[in-house]
Amino acid sequence: MREQRKRLVGIVTGDKMDKTVVVTVASTQRHPIYGKVMRRTKKYKAHDENNECHVGDRVQIIESKPISRQKRFVVTEILDRAK
């Protein structure tokens, strides 16, 4: 069966919490009337078990069962490290 959980790629914008990072995911969306392409961003809190991610890293997150009140994603891999 096909994997049903969402997989998102974003940039880590916050790592001050213990075992949690804030990941900003950008997407594009066309305006329904004017047709202009708009860029939308959304922030997700993701679980980072070993505190490996730092601000500026490009990571992939996957949907999971609720870990806390706001955490519903887990960091699966770090795609690019920050310079």
PDB file of N, CA and C in Angstrom:
ATOM      1  N   MET A   1       0.847  -1.191   0.000  1.00  0.00           N
ATOM      2  CA  MET A   1       0.000   0.000   0.000  1.00  0.00           C
ATOM      3  C   MET A   1       0.885   1.243   0.000  1.00  0.00           C
ATOM      4  N   ARG A   2       0.387   2.292  -0.626  1.00  0.00           N
ATOM      5  CA  ARG A   2       1.133   3.540  -0.740  1.00  0.00           C
ATOM      6  C   ARG A   2       1.270   4.231   0.609  1.00  0.00           C
ATOM      7  N   GLU A   3       2.419   4.846   0.827  1.00  0.00           N
ATOM      8  CA  GLU A   3       2.662   5.596   2.069  1.00  0.00           C
ATOM      9  C   GLU A   3       1.717   6.793   2.125  1.00  0.00           C
ATOM     10  N   GLN A   4       0.951   6.914   3.203  1.00  0.00           N
ATOM     11  CA  GLN A   4      -0.073   7.943   3.299  1.00  0.00           C
ATOM     12  C   GLN A   4       0.374   9.189   4.071  1.00  0.00           C
ATOM     13  N   ARG A   5       1.524   9.104   4.740  1.00  0.00           N
ATOM     14  CA  ARG A   5       1.948  10.233   5.557  1.00  0.00           C
ATOM     15  C   ARG A   5       2.589  11.318   4.695  1.00  0.00           C
ATOM     16  N   LYS A   6       2.389  12.577   5.103  1.00  0.00           N
ATOM     17  CA  LYS A   6       2.958  13.706   4.364  1.00  0.00           C
ATOM     18  C   LYS A   6       4.466  13.762   4.572  1.00  0.00           C
ATOM     19  N   ARG A   7       5.189  14.079   3.494  1.00  0.00           N
ATOM     20  CA  ARG A   7       6.631  14.319   3.560  1.00  0.00           C
ATOM     21  C   ARG A   7       6.864  15.736   3.062  1.00  0.00           C
ATOM     22  N   LEU A   8       7.532  16.554   3.872  1.00  0.00           N
ATOM     23  CA  LEU A   8       7.770  17.943   3.527  1.00  0.00           C
ATOM     24  C   LEU A   8       9.255  18.248   3.640  1.00  0.00           C
ATOM     25  N   VAL A   9       9.716  19.193   2.833  1.00  0.00           N
ATOM     26  CA  VAL A   9      11.108  19.637   2.877  1.00  0.00           C
ATOM     27  C   VAL A   9      11.103  21.118   3.241  1.00  0.00           C
ATOM     28  N   GLY A  10      11.923  21.490   4.223  1.00  0.00           N
ATOM     29  CA  GLY A  10      11.967  22.882   4.655  1.00  0.00           C
ATOM     30  C   GLY A  10      13.286  23.238   5.297  1.00  0.00           C
ATOM     31  N   ILE A  11      13.364  24.474   5.747  1.00  0.00           N
ATOM     32  CA  ILE A  11      14.563  25.025   6.371  1.00  0.00           C
ATOM     33  C   ILE A  11      14.321  25.153   7.873  1.00  0.00           C
ATOM     34  N   VAL A  12      15.301  24.750   8.677  1.00  0.00           N
ATOM     35  CA  VAL A  12      15.190  24.891  10.130  1.00  0.00           C
ATOM     36  C   VAL A  12      15.375  26.361  10.492  1.00  0.00           C
ATOM     37  N   THR A  13      14.380  26.936  11.182  1.00  0.00           N
ATOM     38  CA  THR A  13      14.452  28.336  11.578  1.00  0.00           C
ATOM     39  C   THR A  13      14.578  28.516  13.081  1.00  0.00           C
ATOM     40  N   GLY A  14      14.441  27.428  13.839  1.00  0.00           N
ATOM     41  CA  GLY A  14      14.590  27.526  15.289  1.00  0.00           C
ATOM     42  C   GLY A  14      15.034  26.200  15.871  1.00  0.00           C
ATOM     43  N   ASP A  15      16.021  26.245  16.783  1.00  0.00           N
ATOM     44  CA  ASP A  15      16.487  25.012  17.423  1.00  0.00           C
ATOM     45  C   ASP A  15      16.751  25.212  18.908  1.00  0.00           C
ATOM     46  N   LYS A  16      16.078  26.160  19.530  1.00  0.00           N
ATOM     47  CA  LYS A  16      16.342  26.492  20.931  1.00  0.00           C
ATOM     48  C   LYS A  16      15.709  25.488  21.902  1.00  0.00           C
ATOM     49  N   MET A  17      14.704  24.748  21.460  1.00  0.00           N
ATOM     50  CA  MET A  17      14.036  23.789  22.339  1.00  0.00           C
ATOM     51  C   MET A  17      14.796  22.472  22.372  1.00  0.00           C
ATOM     52  N   ASP A  18      14.556  21.691  23.417  1.00  0.00           N
ATOM     53  CA  ASP A  18      15.201  20.387  23.542  1.00  0.00           C
ATOM     54  C   ASP A  18      14.440  19.362  22.719  1.00  0.00           C
ATOM     55  N   LYS A  19      15.120  18.707  21.788  1.00  0.00           N
ATOM     56  CA  LYS A  19      14.585  17.653  20.926  1.00  0.00           C
ATOM     57  C   LYS A  19      13.469  18.149  20.004  1.00  0.00           C
ATOM     58  N   THR A  20      13.412  19.451  19.752  1.00  0.00           N
ATOM     59  CA  THR A  20      12.401  20.025  18.871  1.00  0.00           C
ATOM     60  C   THR A  20      13.038  21.087  17.996  1.00  0.00           C
ATOM     61  N   VAL A  21      12.663  21.114  16.717  1.00  0.00           N
ATOM     62  CA  VAL A  21      13.097  22.179  15.814  1.00  0.00           C
ATOM     63  C   VAL A  21      11.868  22.767  15.131  1.00  0.00           C
ATOM     64  N   VAL A  22      11.970  24.026  14.743  1.00  0.00           N
ATOM     65  CA  VAL A  22      10.925  24.689  13.970  1.00  0.00           C
ATOM     66  C   VAL A  22      11.365  24.682  12.510  1.00  0.00           C
ATOM     67  N   VAL A  23      10.544  24.103  11.654  1.00  0.00           N
ATOM     68  CA  VAL A  23      10.868  23.979  10.236  1.00  0.00           C
ATOM     69  C   VAL A  23       9.892  24.838   9.438  1.00  0.00           C
ATOM     70  N   THR A  24      10.430  25.725   8.587  1.00  0.00           N
ATOM     71  CA  THR A  24       9.606  26.564   7.724  1.00  0.00           C
ATOM     72  C   THR A  24       9.547  25.936   6.340  1.00  0.00           C
ATOM     73  N   VAL A  25       8.331  25.648   5.889  1.00  0.00           N
ATOM     74  CA  VAL A  25       8.111  25.016   4.589  1.00  0.00           C
ATOM     75  C   VAL A  25       7.472  26.044   3.661  1.00  0.00           C
ATOM     76  N   ALA A  26       8.099  26.274   2.504  1.00  0.00           N
ATOM     77  CA  ALA A  26       7.582  27.233   1.527  1.00  0.00           C
ATOM     78  C   ALA A  26       6.886  26.480   0.396  1.00  0.00           C
ATOM     79  N   SER A  27       5.763  27.028  -0.066  1.00  0.00           N
ATOM     80  CA  SER A  27       5.052  26.448  -1.202  1.00  0.00           C
ATOM     81  C   SER A  27       4.531  27.577  -2.081  1.00  0.00           C
ATOM     82  N   THR A  28       4.270  27.266  -3.323  1.00  0.00           N
ATOM     83  CA  THR A  28       3.714  28.263  -4.238  1.00  0.00           C
ATOM     84  C   THR A  28       2.260  27.948  -4.504  1.00  0.00           C
ATOM     85  N   GLN A  29       1.486  29.024  -4.702  1.00  0.00           N
ATOM     86  CA  GLN A  29       0.057  28.885  -4.908  1.00  0.00           C
ATOM     87  C   GLN A  29      -0.395  29.972  -5.875  1.00  0.00           C
ATOM     88  N   ARG A  30      -1.239  29.630  -6.806  1.00  0.00           N
ATOM     89  CA  ARG A  30      -1.730  30.597  -7.776  1.00  0.00           C
ATOM     90  C   ARG A  30      -2.980  31.285  -7.221  1.00  0.00           C
ATOM     91  N   HIS A  31      -3.052  32.602  -7.366  1.00  0.00           N
ATOM     92  CA  HIS A  31      -4.213  33.357  -6.901  1.00  0.00           C
ATOM     93  C   HIS A  31      -5.424  32.962  -7.736  1.00  0.00           C
ATOM     94  N   PRO A  32      -6.568  32.694  -7.089  1.00  0.00           N
ATOM     95  CA  PRO A  32      -7.714  32.182  -7.835  1.00  0.00           C
ATOM     96  C   PRO A  32      -8.294  33.147  -8.873  1.00  0.00           C
ATOM     97  N   ILE A  33      -8.184  34.452  -8.644  1.00  0.00           N
ATOM     98  CA  ILE A  33      -8.759  35.415  -9.587  1.00  0.00           C
ATOM     99  C   ILE A  33      -7.701  36.017 -10.499  1.00  0.00           C
ATOM    100  N   TYR A  34      -6.612  36.500  -9.917  1.00  0.00           N
ATOM    101  CA  TYR A  34      -5.625  37.255 -10.689  1.00  0.00           C
ATOM    102  C   TYR A  34      -4.555  36.394 -11.342  1.00  0.00           C
ATOM    103  N   GLY A  35      -4.396  35.155 -10.894  1.00  0.00           N
ATOM    104  CA  GLY A  35      -3.451  34.263 -11.537  1.00  0.00           C
ATOM    105  C   GLY A  35      -2.005  34.452 -11.126  1.00  0.00           C
ATOM    106  N   LYS A  36      -1.729  35.417 -10.270  1.00  0.00           N
ATOM    107  CA  LYS A  36      -0.350  35.648  -9.835  1.00  0.00           C
ATOM    108  C   LYS A  36       0.106  34.493  -8.931  1.00  0.00           C
ATOM    109  N   VAL A  37       1.357  34.093  -9.109  1.00  0.00           N
ATOM    110  CA  VAL A  37       1.915  33.036  -8.273  1.00  0.00           C
ATOM    111  C   VAL A  37       2.400  33.644  -6.971  1.00  0.00           C
ATOM    112  N   MET A  38       1.846  33.147  -5.851  1.00  0.00           N
ATOM    113  CA  MET A  38       2.192  33.658  -4.533  1.00  0.00           C
ATOM    114  C   MET A  38       2.999  32.617  -3.786  1.00  0.00           C
ATOM    115  N   ARG A  39       3.893  33.069  -2.951  1.00  0.00           N
ATOM    116  CA  ARG A  39       4.695  32.164  -2.137  1.00  0.00           C
ATOM    117  C   ARG A  39       4.140  32.155  -0.726  1.00  0.00           C
ATOM    118  N   ARG A  40       3.793  30.991  -0.251  1.00  0.00           N
ATOM    119  CA  ARG A  40       3.239  30.821   1.092  1.00  0.00           C
ATOM    120  C   ARG A  40       4.244  30.072   1.956  1.00  0.00           C
ATOM    121  N   THR A  41       4.344  30.444   3.223  1.00  0.00           N
ATOM    122  CA  THR A  41       5.205  29.725   4.144  1.00  0.00           C
ATOM    123  C   THR A  41       4.389  29.268   5.344  1.00  0.00           C
ATOM    124  N   LYS A  42       4.773  28.134   5.887  1.00  0.00           N
ATOM    125  CA  LYS A  42       4.109  27.602   7.069  1.00  0.00           C
ATOM    126  C   LYS A  42       5.165  26.996   7.978  1.00  0.00           C
ATOM    127  N   LYS A  43       4.999  27.171   9.290  1.00  0.00           N
ATOM    128  CA  LYS A  43       5.964  26.658  10.255  1.00  0.00           C
ATOM    129  C   LYS A  43       5.407  25.398  10.921  1.00  0.00           C
ATOM    130  N   TYR A  44       6.275  24.399  11.047  1.00  0.00           N
ATOM    131  CA  TYR A  44       5.931  23.152  11.715  1.00  0.00           C
ATOM    132  C   TYR A  44       6.952  22.886  12.804  1.00  0.00           C
ATOM    133  N   LYS A  45       6.491  22.357  13.939  1.00  0.00           N
ATOM    134  CA  LYS A  45       7.413  21.891  14.969  1.00  0.00           C
ATOM    135  C   LYS A  45       7.644  20.409  14.718  1.00  0.00           C
ATOM    136  N   ALA A  46       8.921  20.018  14.684  1.00  0.00           N
ATOM    137  CA  ALA A  46       9.271  18.632  14.378  1.00  0.00           C
ATOM    138  C   ALA A  46      10.180  18.067  15.461  1.00  0.00           C
ATOM    139  N   HIS A  47      10.055  16.762  15.688  1.00  0.00           N
ATOM    140  CA  HIS A  47      10.850  16.071  16.705  1.00  0.00           C
ATOM    141  C   HIS A  47      12.236  15.754  16.157  1.00  0.00           C
ATOM    142  N   ASP A  48      13.266  16.133  16.902  1.00  0.00           N
ATOM    143  CA  ASP A  48      14.662  15.881  16.539  1.00  0.00           C
ATOM    144  C   ASP A  48      15.309  15.179  17.734  1.00  0.00           C
ATOM    145  N   GLU A  49      15.309  13.849  17.714  1.00  0.00           N
ATOM    146  CA  GLU A  49      15.678  13.054  18.888  1.00  0.00           C
ATOM    147  C   GLU A  49      17.072  13.364  19.419  1.00  0.00           C
ATOM    148  N   ASN A  50      18.074  13.513  18.540  1.00  0.00           N
ATOM    149  CA  ASN A  50      19.449  13.678  18.994  1.00  0.00           C
ATOM    150  C   ASN A  50      19.955  15.116  18.931  1.00  0.00           C
ATOM    151  N   ASN A  51      19.069  16.077  18.729  1.00  0.00           N
ATOM    152  CA  ASN A  51      19.428  17.497  18.614  1.00  0.00           C
ATOM    153  C   ASN A  51      20.516  17.712  17.560  1.00  0.00           C
ATOM    154  N   GLU A  52      20.376  17.083  16.398  1.00  0.00           N
ATOM    155  CA  GLU A  52      21.370  17.168  15.329  1.00  0.00           C
ATOM    156  C   GLU A  52      21.159  18.375  14.419  1.00  0.00           C
ATOM    157  N   CYS A  53      19.938  18.870  14.309  1.00  0.00           N
ATOM    158  CA  CYS A  53      19.630  19.960  13.375  1.00  0.00           C
ATOM    159  C   CYS A  53      19.977  21.306  13.993  1.00  0.00           C
ATOM    160  N   HIS A  54      20.420  22.224  13.133  1.00  0.00           N
ATOM    161  CA  HIS A  54      20.724  23.585  13.547  1.00  0.00           C
ATOM    162  C   HIS A  54      20.080  24.560  12.567  1.00  0.00           C
ATOM    163  N   VAL A  55      20.015  25.821  12.946  1.00  0.00           N
ATOM    164  CA  VAL A  55      19.373  26.840  12.116  1.00  0.00           C
ATOM    165  C   VAL A  55      20.068  26.914  10.759  1.00  0.00           C
ATOM    166  N   GLY A  56      19.276  26.888   9.688  1.00  0.00           N
ATOM    167  CA  GLY A  56      19.805  26.966   8.336  1.00  0.00           C
ATOM    168  C   GLY A  56      19.894  25.628   7.630  1.00  0.00           C
ATOM    169  N   ASP A  57      19.764  24.526   8.350  1.00  0.00           N
ATOM    170  CA  ASP A  57      19.804  23.207   7.723  1.00  0.00           C
ATOM    171  C   ASP A  57      18.535  22.975   6.901  1.00  0.00           C
ATOM    172  N   ARG A  58      18.694  22.272   5.783  1.00  0.00           N
ATOM    173  CA  ARG A  58      17.553  21.870   4.956  1.00  0.00           C
ATOM    174  C   ARG A  58      17.229  20.428   5.331  1.00  0.00           C
ATOM    175  N   VAL A  59      16.004  20.179   5.806  1.00  0.00           N
ATOM    176  CA  VAL A  59      15.637  18.869   6.331  1.00  0.00           C
ATOM    177  C   VAL A  59      14.357  18.353   5.681  1.00  0.00           C
ATOM    178  N   GLN A  60      14.173  17.038   5.804  1.00  0.00           N
ATOM    179  CA  GLN A  60      12.925  16.414   5.376  1.00  0.00           C
ATOM    180  C   GLN A  60      12.196  15.959   6.631  1.00  0.00           C
ATOM    181  N   ILE A  61      10.899  16.277   6.723  1.00  0.00           N
ATOM    182  CA  ILE A  61      10.101  15.867   7.875  1.00  0.00           C
ATOM    183  C   ILE A  61       8.951  15.005   7.385  1.00  0.00           C
ATOM    184  N   ILE A  62       8.492  14.109   8.255  1.00  0.00           N
ATOM    185  CA  ILE A  62       7.394  13.212   7.908  1.00  0.00           C
ATOM    186  C   ILE A  62       6.343  13.275   9.013  1.00  0.00           C
ATOM    187  N   GLU A  63       5.106  13.163   8.609  1.00  0.00           N
ATOM    188  CA  GLU A  63       3.991  13.211   9.538  1.00  0.00           C
ATOM    189  C   GLU A  63       4.015  11.988  10.450  1.00  0.00           C
ATOM    190  N   SER A  64       3.636  12.174  11.725  1.00  0.00           N
ATOM    191  CA  SER A  64       3.606  11.057  12.668  1.00  0.00           C
ATOM    192  C   SER A  64       2.438  11.244  13.623  1.00  0.00           C
ATOM    193  N   LYS A  65       2.317  10.315  14.547  1.00  0.00           N
ATOM    194  CA  LYS A  65       1.280  10.482  15.566  1.00  0.00           C
ATOM    195  C   LYS A  65       1.656  11.665  16.458  1.00  0.00           C
ATOM    196  N   PRO A  66       0.707  12.294  17.121  1.00  0.00           N
ATOM    197  CA  PRO A  66       1.024  13.448  17.964  1.00  0.00           C
ATOM    198  C   PRO A  66       2.025  13.096  19.059  1.00  0.00           C
ATOM    199  N   ILE A  67       3.109  13.880  19.127  1.00  0.00           N
ATOM    200  CA  ILE A  67       4.154  13.666  20.130  1.00  0.00           C
ATOM    201  C   ILE A  67       3.908  14.579  21.325  1.00  0.00           C
ATOM    202  N   SER A  68       3.424  15.785  21.062  1.00  0.00           N
ATOM    203  CA  SER A  68       3.049  16.715  22.122  1.00  0.00           C
ATOM    204  C   SER A  68       1.901  17.563  21.578  1.00  0.00           C
ATOM    205  N   ARG A  69       1.611  18.666  22.264  1.00  0.00           N
ATOM    206  CA  ARG A  69       0.457  19.474  21.868  1.00  0.00           C
ATOM    207  C   ARG A  69       0.607  20.032  20.461  1.00  0.00           C
ATOM    208  N   GLN A  70       1.822  20.404  20.049  1.00  0.00           N
ATOM    209  CA  GLN A  70       2.014  21.021  18.744  1.00  0.00           C
ATOM    210  C   GLN A  70       2.883  20.201  17.799  1.00  0.00           C
ATOM    211  N   LYS A  71       3.554  19.168  18.282  1.00  0.00           N
ATOM    212  CA  LYS A  71       4.459  18.382  17.431  1.00  0.00           C
ATOM    213  C   LYS A  71       3.724  17.215  16.803  1.00  0.00           C
ATOM    214  N   ARG A  72       3.691  17.218  15.440  1.00  0.00           N
ATOM    215  CA  ARG A  72       3.096  16.118  14.702  1.00  0.00           C
ATOM    216  C   ARG A  72       4.003  15.642  13.570  1.00  0.00           C
ATOM    217  N   PHE A  73       5.246  16.093  13.567  1.00  0.00           N
ATOM    218  CA  PHE A  73       6.207  15.716  12.535  1.00  0.00           C
ATOM    219  C   PHE A  73       7.504  15.254  13.174  1.00  0.00           C
ATOM    220  N   VAL A  74       8.268  14.437  12.436  1.00  0.00           N
ATOM    221  CA  VAL A  74       9.556  13.931  12.883  1.00  0.00           C
ATOM    222  C   VAL A  74      10.577  14.205  11.781  1.00  0.00           C
ATOM    223  N   VAL A  75      11.774  14.653  12.154  1.00  0.00           N
ATOM    224  CA  VAL A  75      12.841  14.865  11.181  1.00  0.00           C
ATOM    225  C   VAL A  75      13.366  13.498  10.738  1.00  0.00           C
ATOM    226  N   THR A  76      13.316  13.227   9.417  1.00  0.00           N
ATOM    227  CA  THR A  76      13.795  11.936   8.919  1.00  0.00           C
ATOM    228  C   THR A  76      15.232  12.020   8.460  1.00  0.00           C
ATOM    229  N   GLU A  77      15.602  13.110   7.776  1.00  0.00           N
ATOM    230  CA  GLU A  77      16.991  13.243   7.340  1.00  0.00           C
ATOM    231  C   GLU A  77      17.353  14.702   7.141  1.00  0.00           C
ATOM    232  N   ILE A  78      18.642  14.971   7.253  1.00  0.00           N
ATOM    233  CA  ILE A  78      19.174  16.304   6.991  1.00  0.00           C
ATOM    234  C   ILE A  78      19.730  16.295   5.576  1.00  0.00           C
ATOM    235  N   LEU A  79      19.142  17.108   4.703  1.00  0.00           N
ATOM    236  CA  LEU A  79      19.531  17.125   3.297  1.00  0.00           C
ATOM    237  C   LEU A  79      20.775  17.982   3.063  1.00  0.00           C
ATOM    238  N   ASP A  80      20.800  19.184   3.628  1.00  0.00           N
ATOM    239  CA  ASP A  80      21.944  20.098   3.490  1.00  0.00           C
ATOM    240  C   ASP A  80      22.244  20.701   4.853  1.00  0.00           C
ATOM    241  N   ARG A  81      23.521  20.832   5.153  1.00  0.00           N
ATOM    242  CA  ARG A  81      23.943  21.496   6.380  1.00  0.00           C
ATOM    243  C   ARG A  81      24.095  22.990   6.144  1.00  0.00           C
ATOM    244  N   ALA A  82      23.892  23.782   7.192  1.00  0.00           N
ATOM    245  CA  ALA A  82      24.109  25.225   7.092  1.00  0.00           C
ATOM    246  C   ALA A  82      25.594  25.502   7.012  1.00  0.00           C
ATOM    247  N   LYS A  83      25.944  26.570   6.334  1.00  0.00           N
ATOM    248  CA  LYS A  83      27.357  26.920   6.189  1.00  0.00           C
ATOM    249  C   LYS A  83      27.873  27.630   7.421  1.00  0.00           C
TER     250      LYS A  83
END
